[in-house]
């Protein structure tokens, strides 16, 4: 049975004509767009009527992090797990932020800025401030894509700082929404099938931004410091609290293996995995639920100074936020944590570490090592950031396949 819905969403400078496409279940999906011209970009709205089969297979993943914290690298690792290169929409705006592969579509939530760069300056707000973002439109469009309905998504042009005309986004098998606010709005948060937060400590974030903005963008050290300090109040208020809602957190900290280390080249990375998440079983080292400390350096793993150390065990996370009267929220405080401090000398030896990890959702022995070697030139490939990003990507693939199998099973049961 087809389901028809009328959506009203904001859009920018476009007139769309009626189109009819065929869904993957054989139903015809029709979209009719109506354009109403208003006096300003921020108040132009498109209404569209759409029919779909109602049995969507789109899985929605949310990835939250501050600017310059490795979201792009994580996306490249994730899409690689599913196969096929992620590229901007063909024939579209060359400044599009969207990446599309055979299986995934990655949407940058900066596209839902309601104010352009000049508008933010005039109002005295940063892009982190919710007042500079259109959460109503974000919710409507993510919900539509999850339900198998194409949308015309706006584009925020990072080069010009302006809001460009929208682009047509078709519902993919896996939709990834990445940016500052994927878990800020409770309506959007409820649409997520899985969520990740990249939690970079202030010391590491500062070192990374210096490396990127001074080397690649020509910024001065003083301007970088000023930018970080200017963003910090809004980051603390609006971005950082989202990690309490994440199903997995990749936390990046300075090493503890080098006393009083100030260089930030060696990292301690923690993979914090929430217990009780449907279709997700946390990775463990040696023995599930135990507390393990392991230094693997030796004949099978080459380690130069300061070496490598792994820790694993149960922990609590944001338990001060937990409502004791709610069983569901209480799960928020129970986590398993896998930690790696140090860096690899030889990635091909990673297979030794991989062989001691369980629940990593690989399809064959050595798949984690293969993925790491495949992208050895990516940032973080010699430490826990690359390792844990890769493992989370494999877990998301497994989650997608489990959800898909569940839906197919339910469909077959309804026919019986």
Protein backbone atom coordinates (compact mmCIF):
# COMPACT_ATOMS: atom_id res chain seq x y z
CA UNK A 1 0.00 0.00 0.00
CA UNK A 2 1.39 3.39 -0.94
CA UNK A 3 1.55 6.22 1.60
CA UNK A 4 1.09 9.83 0.49
CA UNK A 5 2.35 12.81 2.44
CA UNK A 6 2.37 16.58 1.96
CA UNK A 7 5.59 18.28 3.12
CA UNK A 8 6.24 22.00 3.41
CA UNK A 9 9.93 22.88 3.57
CA UNK A 10 12.14 25.88 3.07
CA UNK A 11 14.07 26.04 -0.16
CA UNK A 12 16.15 28.52 -2.12
CA UNK A 13 15.62 30.03 -5.59
CA UNK A 14 14.23 27.10 -7.48
CA UNK A 15 11.18 25.87 -9.32
CA UNK A 16 10.76 22.11 -9.55
CA UNK A 17 8.52 20.34 -12.02
CA UNK A 18 6.50 17.19 -11.38
CA UNK A 19 8.48 13.96 -11.65
CA UNK A 20 7.57 10.32 -11.43
CA UNK A 21 10.07 7.67 -10.41
CA UNK A 22 9.79 4.00 -9.60
CA UNK A 23 10.73 2.82 -6.12
CA UNK A 24 12.81 -0.26 -5.49
CA UNK A 25 9.63 -2.09 -4.47
CA UNK A 26 7.93 -1.39 -7.77
CA UNK A 27 5.59 1.41 -6.67
CA UNK A 28 5.41 4.65 -8.61
CA UNK A 29 6.57 7.60 -6.54
CA UNK A 30 5.27 10.97 -7.67
CA UNK A 31 6.49 14.35 -6.53
CA UNK A 32 4.86 17.67 -7.35
CA UNK A 33 6.64 20.82 -6.21
CA UNK A 34 4.89 24.15 -5.69
CA UNK A 35 6.88 27.37 -5.48
CA UNK A 36 5.76 30.44 -3.52
CA UNK A 37 7.94 33.50 -3.77
CA UNK A 38 8.57 35.48 -0.59
CA UNK A 39 10.59 38.59 0.12
CA UNK A 40 13.71 36.94 1.56
CA UNK A 41 15.71 33.78 1.22
CA UNK A 42 15.04 32.72 4.77
CA UNK A 43 11.24 32.62 4.23
CA UNK A 44 10.93 30.92 0.83
CA UNK A 45 9.21 27.59 1.16
CA UNK A 46 8.51 24.64 -1.12
CA UNK A 47 5.52 22.38 -0.57
CA UNK A 48 5.56 18.98 -2.15
CA UNK A 49 3.24 16.04 -2.31
CA UNK A 50 4.88 12.64 -2.39
CA UNK A 51 3.77 9.03 -2.48
CA UNK A 52 6.00 6.14 -1.51
CA UNK A 53 5.66 2.45 -0.80
CA UNK A 54 5.91 3.02 2.95
CA UNK A 55 8.49 0.26 3.54
CA UNK A 56 11.65 2.32 3.58
CA UNK A 57 15.03 0.63 3.82
CA UNK A 58 16.99 3.85 4.47
CA UNK A 59 19.09 3.63 7.63
CA UNK A 60 20.09 6.96 9.21
CA UNK A 61 23.46 7.42 10.94
CA UNK A 62 24.38 10.58 12.84
CA UNK A 63 27.96 11.79 13.29
CA UNK A 64 28.61 14.77 15.56
CA UNK A 65 31.85 16.68 16.10
CA UNK A 66 33.27 20.16 16.19
CA UNK A 67 34.91 21.67 13.12
CA UNK A 68 38.32 20.20 12.30
CA UNK A 69 37.85 17.05 14.41
CA UNK A 70 38.14 14.40 11.72
CA UNK A 71 34.57 14.01 10.40
CA UNK A 72 35.74 13.97 6.78
CA UNK A 73 38.31 11.24 7.40
CA UNK A 74 35.76 9.17 9.29
CA UNK A 75 33.30 9.51 6.37
CA UNK A 76 35.94 8.30 3.92
CA UNK A 77 36.65 5.25 6.08
CA UNK A 78 32.94 4.52 6.52
CA UNK A 79 32.02 4.72 2.85
CA UNK A 80 35.06 2.58 1.98
CA UNK A 81 33.71 -0.22 4.21
CA UNK A 82 30.59 -0.34 2.03
CA UNK A 83 32.59 -0.20 -1.21
CA UNK A 84 32.64 2.40 -3.94
CA UNK A 85 34.12 5.89 -3.84
CA UNK A 86 32.00 8.67 -2.37
CA UNK A 87 31.77 11.62 -4.77
CA UNK A 88 29.80 14.89 -5.06
CA UNK A 89 26.53 14.67 -7.03
CA UNK A 90 27.34 14.45 -10.74
CA UNK A 91 26.47 17.49 -12.80
CA UNK A 92 25.49 19.48 -9.73
CA UNK A 93 26.91 22.41 -7.82
CA UNK A 94 30.72 21.98 -7.66
CA UNK A 95 30.58 23.43 -4.12
CA UNK A 96 28.09 20.82 -2.92
CA UNK A 97 28.91 19.32 0.47
CA UNK A 98 27.08 16.06 -0.29
CA UNK A 99 28.96 12.82 -0.98
CA UNK A 100 27.25 9.92 -2.76
CA UNK A 101 28.40 6.33 -3.23
CA UNK A 102 26.57 3.19 -4.37
CA UNK A 103 25.25 2.59 -0.85
CA UNK A 104 25.67 5.78 1.14
CA UNK A 105 24.75 9.44 0.93
CA UNK A 106 26.55 11.79 3.31
CA UNK A 107 24.85 15.10 4.06
CA UNK A 108 26.69 17.93 5.79
CA UNK A 109 24.38 19.61 8.28
CA UNK A 110 26.01 22.97 7.56
CA UNK A 111 23.55 22.98 4.65
CA UNK A 112 20.82 23.73 7.18
CA UNK A 113 22.35 27.02 8.26
CA UNK A 114 19.51 29.55 8.24
CA UNK A 115 21.96 32.43 8.21
CA UNK A 116 24.81 32.95 5.79
CA UNK A 117 28.23 34.18 6.91
CA UNK A 118 27.22 37.85 6.72
CA UNK A 119 23.94 37.18 8.51
CA UNK A 120 25.74 35.49 11.39
CA UNK A 121 28.10 38.45 11.73
CA UNK A 122 25.20 40.90 11.73
CA UNK A 123 23.34 38.97 14.42
CA UNK A 124 26.49 38.23 16.42
CA UNK A 125 26.05 34.44 16.46
CA UNK A 126 28.31 31.57 15.45
CA UNK A 127 27.38 28.60 13.28
CA UNK A 128 27.28 26.53 16.49
CA UNK A 129 24.38 28.55 17.84
CA UNK A 130 21.02 26.85 17.20
CA UNK A 131 19.59 30.22 16.15
CA UNK A 132 21.79 30.07 13.04
CA UNK A 133 20.31 26.71 11.96
CA UNK A 134 16.94 25.53 10.62
CA UNK A 135 16.07 22.43 12.66
CA UNK A 136 12.51 22.28 11.34
CA UNK A 137 13.76 21.85 7.79
CA UNK A 138 16.48 19.43 8.91
CA UNK A 139 13.90 17.24 10.65
CA UNK A 140 11.43 17.33 7.75
CA UNK A 141 14.01 16.40 5.15
CA UNK A 142 15.79 13.68 7.15
CA UNK A 143 12.39 12.17 7.96
CA UNK A 144 11.39 12.28 4.29
CA UNK A 145 14.61 10.57 3.17
CA UNK A 146 14.19 7.94 5.89
CA UNK A 147 10.71 7.29 4.50
CA UNK A 148 12.05 6.86 0.97
CA UNK A 149 11.11 10.32 -0.32
CA UNK A 150 13.47 12.54 -2.31
CA UNK A 151 14.06 16.11 -1.10
CA UNK A 152 15.47 19.35 -2.41
CA UNK A 153 18.15 20.10 0.16
CA UNK A 154 19.73 23.57 0.47
CA UNK A 155 23.47 24.06 0.06
CA UNK A 156 25.68 26.17 2.30
CA UNK A 157 28.63 27.32 0.22
CA UNK A 158 31.75 27.19 2.41
CA UNK A 159 33.73 29.14 -0.19
CA UNK A 160 31.43 32.15 -0.53
CA UNK A 161 29.68 31.84 2.82
CA UNK A 162 26.33 32.14 1.01
CA UNK A 163 23.25 29.92 0.74
CA UNK A 164 23.20 28.39 -2.76
CA UNK A 165 20.16 26.99 -4.62
CA UNK A 166 19.15 23.50 -3.45
CA UNK A 167 20.03 20.10 -4.87
CA UNK A 168 17.85 17.03 -5.32
CA UNK A 169 18.77 14.20 -2.95
CA UNK A 170 17.36 10.72 -3.55
CA UNK A 171 16.86 8.38 -0.57
CA UNK A 172 19.90 6.08 -0.26
CA UNK A 173 20.30 2.76 1.50
CA UNK A 174 22.33 4.50 4.21
CA UNK A 175 22.00 8.20 4.99
CA UNK A 176 24.75 9.76 7.10
CA UNK A 177 24.10 13.20 8.54
CA UNK A 178 27.34 14.72 9.81
CA UNK A 179 28.06 18.04 11.39
CA UNK A 180 27.65 20.11 14.51
CA UNK A 181 24.07 19.25 15.49
CA UNK A 182 22.86 15.76 14.44
CA UNK A 183 21.77 14.95 18.01
CA UNK A 184 20.77 18.43 19.20
CA UNK A 185 17.12 18.37 18.15
CA UNK A 186 15.19 15.54 19.81
CA UNK A 187 13.06 15.01 16.68
CA UNK A 188 16.11 14.46 14.49
CA UNK A 189 17.75 12.39 17.21
CA UNK A 190 14.77 10.03 17.25
CA UNK A 191 15.24 9.36 13.52
CA UNK A 192 18.78 8.04 14.00
CA UNK A 193 19.42 4.30 13.86
CA UNK A 194 22.93 4.80 15.23
CA UNK A 195 24.93 7.80 16.42
CA UNK A 196 28.62 8.59 16.88
CA UNK A 197 30.37 11.48 18.57
CA UNK A 198 34.01 12.40 17.89
CA UNK A 199 35.23 13.85 21.18
CA UNK A 200 38.58 15.58 20.73
CA UNK A 201 40.22 17.03 23.84
CA UNK A 202 41.07 20.73 23.82
CA UNK A 203 44.83 20.03 23.72
CA UNK A 204 44.58 17.71 20.71
CA UNK A 205 42.00 19.90 18.95
CA UNK A 206 44.32 22.89 19.24
CA UNK A 207 47.25 20.91 17.79
CA UNK A 208 45.11 19.62 14.90
CA UNK A 209 43.70 23.05 14.05
CA UNK A 210 47.18 24.57 14.04
CA UNK A 211 48.37 21.87 11.66
CA UNK A 212 45.38 22.27 9.34
CA UNK A 213 44.77 26.01 9.43
CA UNK A 214 48.39 27.16 9.42
CA UNK A 215 49.71 24.64 6.90
CA UNK A 216 46.71 24.38 4.57
CA UNK A 217 44.87 27.68 4.98
CA UNK A 218 47.61 30.14 5.84
CA UNK A 219 46.10 31.29 9.15
CA UNK A 220 48.26 32.77 11.87
CA UNK A 221 48.71 31.16 15.28
CA UNK A 222 47.03 34.16 16.92
CA UNK A 223 43.97 33.95 14.67
CA UNK A 224 43.61 30.22 15.35
CA UNK A 225 43.73 30.78 19.10
CA UNK A 226 41.19 33.59 18.81
CA UNK A 227 38.88 31.42 16.70
CA UNK A 228 38.99 28.54 19.19
CA UNK A 229 38.33 30.83 22.16
CA UNK A 230 35.46 32.56 20.36
CA UNK A 231 33.76 29.23 19.60
CA UNK A 232 34.34 27.60 22.98
CA UNK A 233 31.29 28.96 24.87
CA UNK A 234 28.90 27.81 22.11
CA UNK A 235 30.73 24.51 21.75
CA UNK A 236 30.37 23.83 25.47
CA UNK A 237 26.71 24.86 25.43
CA UNK A 238 25.40 23.25 22.23
CA UNK A 239 27.82 20.71 20.73
CA UNK A 240 29.59 18.89 23.56
CA UNK A 241 26.39 17.87 25.44
CA UNK A 242 25.31 15.78 22.43
CA UNK A 243 27.82 13.07 23.29
CA UNK A 244 25.55 11.88 26.11
CA UNK A 245 23.12 10.68 23.41
CA UNK A 246 25.71 8.90 21.24
CA UNK A 247 25.75 5.12 20.86
CA UNK A 248 29.53 5.26 20.39
CA UNK A 249 32.07 7.94 21.29
CA UNK A 250 35.62 8.10 19.95
CA UNK A 251 37.51 10.15 22.52
CA UNK A 252 40.97 11.47 21.61
CA UNK A 253 43.30 12.51 24.44
CA UNK A 254 47.00 13.26 24.99
CA UNK A 255 49.14 10.20 25.69
CA UNK A 256 49.89 9.05 29.22
CA UNK A 257 52.92 7.06 28.04
CA UNK A 258 55.16 10.14 27.86
CA UNK A 259 55.34 12.19 31.07
CA UNK A 260 54.45 15.88 30.56
CA UNK A 261 54.11 15.43 26.79
CA UNK A 262 53.42 18.73 25.01
CA UNK A 263 53.88 17.74 21.38
CA UNK A 264 50.59 15.92 20.90
CA UNK A 265 52.00 13.53 18.31
CA UNK A 266 51.23 10.41 20.34
CA UNK A 267 47.56 9.95 21.23
CA UNK A 268 45.44 8.01 23.69
CA UNK A 269 42.14 7.06 22.05
CA UNK A 270 39.11 5.57 23.78
CA UNK A 271 36.20 3.83 22.04
CA UNK A 272 33.23 4.23 24.39
CA UNK A 273 30.37 1.89 23.41
CA UNK A 274 26.93 2.10 24.95
CA UNK A 275 25.46 -1.14 26.22
CA UNK A 276 21.95 -2.27 25.27
CA UNK A 277 21.79 -0.69 21.78
CA UNK A 278 19.70 -2.77 19.41
CA UNK A 279 21.70 -4.42 16.60
CA UNK A 280 24.98 -3.28 18.18
CA UNK A 281 27.25 -5.44 20.34
CA UNK A 282 30.34 -3.69 21.77
CA UNK A 283 33.83 -4.78 20.71
CA UNK A 284 35.84 -6.47 23.44
CA UNK A 285 39.44 -7.48 24.12
CA UNK A 286 40.20 -11.05 25.23
CA UNK A 287 37.28 -11.65 27.61
CA UNK A 288 33.95 -9.79 27.41
CA UNK A 289 33.13 -7.79 30.54
CA UNK A 290 36.55 -8.26 32.13
CA UNK A 291 39.03 -5.50 32.98
CA UNK A 292 42.12 -5.93 30.80
CA UNK A 293 45.44 -4.09 30.51
CA UNK A 294 47.64 -5.34 27.67
CA UNK A 295 51.02 -4.28 26.29
CA UNK A 296 51.30 -6.21 23.00
CA UNK A 297 54.78 -5.05 22.02
CA UNK A 298 57.22 -7.88 21.43
CA UNK A 299 58.05 -10.37 18.71
CA UNK A 300 54.71 -10.03 16.90
CA UNK A 301 54.24 -6.27 17.15
CA UNK A 302 57.06 -3.79 16.59
CA UNK A 303 56.85 -0.84 18.99
CA UNK A 304 59.24 2.06 19.15
CA UNK A 305 59.21 4.51 22.07
CA UNK A 306 56.89 5.02 23.92
CA UNK A 307 55.26 1.72 22.97
CA UNK A 308 51.58 0.72 22.84
CA UNK A 309 49.15 -0.07 25.63
CA UNK A 310 45.55 -1.32 25.40
CA UNK A 311 42.94 -1.18 28.14
CA UNK A 312 39.44 -2.65 28.11
CA UNK A 313 36.62 -2.92 30.62
CA UNK A 314 33.18 -1.79 31.77
CA UNK A 315 32.64 1.80 32.83
CA UNK A 316 29.93 4.41 33.35
CA UNK A 317 29.35 7.44 31.13
CA UNK A 318 27.25 10.49 31.89
CA UNK A 319 25.67 8.60 34.76
CA UNK A 320 25.18 11.91 36.53
CA UNK A 321 22.65 12.67 33.78
CA UNK A 322 20.77 9.41 34.24
CA UNK A 323 17.20 9.40 35.57
CA UNK A 324 17.09 6.47 38.05
CA UNK A 325 13.38 6.03 37.42
CA UNK A 326 13.81 5.34 33.70
CA UNK A 327 15.18 1.99 32.62
CA UNK A 328 15.78 3.16 29.04
CA UNK A 329 17.72 6.27 30.00
CA UNK A 330 19.68 4.27 32.58
CA UNK A 331 21.31 2.35 29.75
CA UNK A 332 23.02 5.62 28.95
CA UNK A 333 25.32 5.16 31.93
CA UNK A 334 26.50 1.64 31.07
CA UNK A 335 29.35 1.39 28.59
CA UNK A 336 32.24 -0.78 27.50
CA UNK A 337 35.50 1.05 26.84
CA UNK A 338 38.38 -0.05 24.61
CA UNK A 339 41.45 2.17 24.81
CA UNK A 340 44.66 2.37 22.79
CA UNK A 341 47.57 4.57 23.85
CA UNK A 342 50.53 4.86 21.45
CA UNK A 343 51.01 4.22 17.76
CA UNK A 344 51.83 1.44 15.32
CA UNK A 345 55.19 1.22 13.58
CA UNK A 346 54.01 -1.31 10.99
CA UNK A 347 50.37 -1.52 9.95
CA UNK A 348 50.77 -5.01 8.52
CA UNK A 349 51.41 -6.20 12.08
CA UNK A 350 48.01 -4.90 13.17
CA UNK A 351 46.65 -8.37 12.38
CA UNK A 352 48.16 -9.52 15.70
CA UNK A 353 46.05 -7.00 17.62
CA UNK A 354 42.98 -7.73 15.48
CA UNK A 355 43.21 -11.43 16.33
CA UNK A 356 42.67 -10.62 20.02
CA UNK A 357 39.57 -8.48 19.44
CA UNK A 358 36.04 -9.92 19.29
CA UNK A 359 32.67 -8.63 18.04
CA UNK A 360 34.43 -6.55 15.38
CA UNK A 361 31.86 -7.55 12.71
CA UNK A 362 34.40 -8.48 10.04
CA UNK A 363 33.43 -10.75 7.14
CA UNK A 364 36.84 -12.43 7.00
CA UNK A 365 39.98 -12.76 9.10
CA UNK A 366 42.14 -9.65 8.77
CA UNK A 367 39.50 -7.30 7.34
CA UNK A 368 40.31 -4.55 9.87
CA UNK A 369 43.99 -4.74 8.94
CA UNK A 370 43.13 -4.74 5.25
CA UNK A 371 41.01 -1.59 5.61
CA UNK A 372 43.76 0.15 7.59
CA UNK A 373 46.42 -0.74 5.01
CA UNK A 374 44.09 0.38 2.22
CA UNK A 375 43.99 3.87 3.72
CA UNK A 376 47.44 4.05 5.28
CA UNK A 377 47.76 7.66 4.08
CA UNK A 378 44.66 8.82 5.97
CA UNK A 379 45.22 10.89 9.14
CA UNK A 380 45.29 8.71 12.26
CA UNK A 381 46.17 5.48 10.46
CA UNK A 382 49.03 4.75 12.86
CA UNK A 383 47.00 5.20 16.05
CA UNK A 384 43.67 4.50 17.71
CA UNK A 385 41.71 7.12 15.77
CA UNK A 386 42.04 5.22 12.50
CA UNK A 387 41.66 1.83 14.16
CA UNK A 388 38.48 2.71 16.04
CA UNK A 389 36.95 4.64 13.12
CA UNK A 390 37.47 1.56 10.97
CA UNK A 391 35.91 -0.75 13.55
CA UNK A 392 32.90 1.54 14.00
CA UNK A 393 32.46 1.55 10.22
CA UNK A 394 32.35 -2.26 10.24
CA UNK A 395 29.86 -2.21 13.12
CA UNK A 396 27.61 0.17 11.15
CA UNK A 397 27.72 -2.17 8.15
CA UNK A 398 26.70 -5.04 10.42
CA UNK A 399 23.92 -2.93 11.97
CA UNK A 400 22.60 -2.05 8.50
CA UNK A 401 22.56 -5.70 7.43
CA UNK A 402 20.78 -6.75 10.64
CA UNK A 403 18.10 -4.06 10.24
CA UNK A 404 17.65 -4.98 6.59
CA UNK A 405 17.30 -8.67 7.43
CA UNK A 406 14.80 -7.82 10.16
CA UNK A 407 12.63 -5.82 7.74
CA UNK A 408 12.77 -8.54 5.10
CA UNK A 409 11.83 -11.12 7.73
CA UNK A 410 8.90 -9.01 8.92
CA UNK A 411 7.71 -8.53 5.32
CA UNK A 412 7.87 -12.25 4.63
CA UNK A 413 6.04 -13.01 7.88
CA UNK A 414 3.23 -10.61 6.93
CA UNK A 415 2.79 -12.41 3.63
CA UNK A 416 2.61 -15.87 5.22
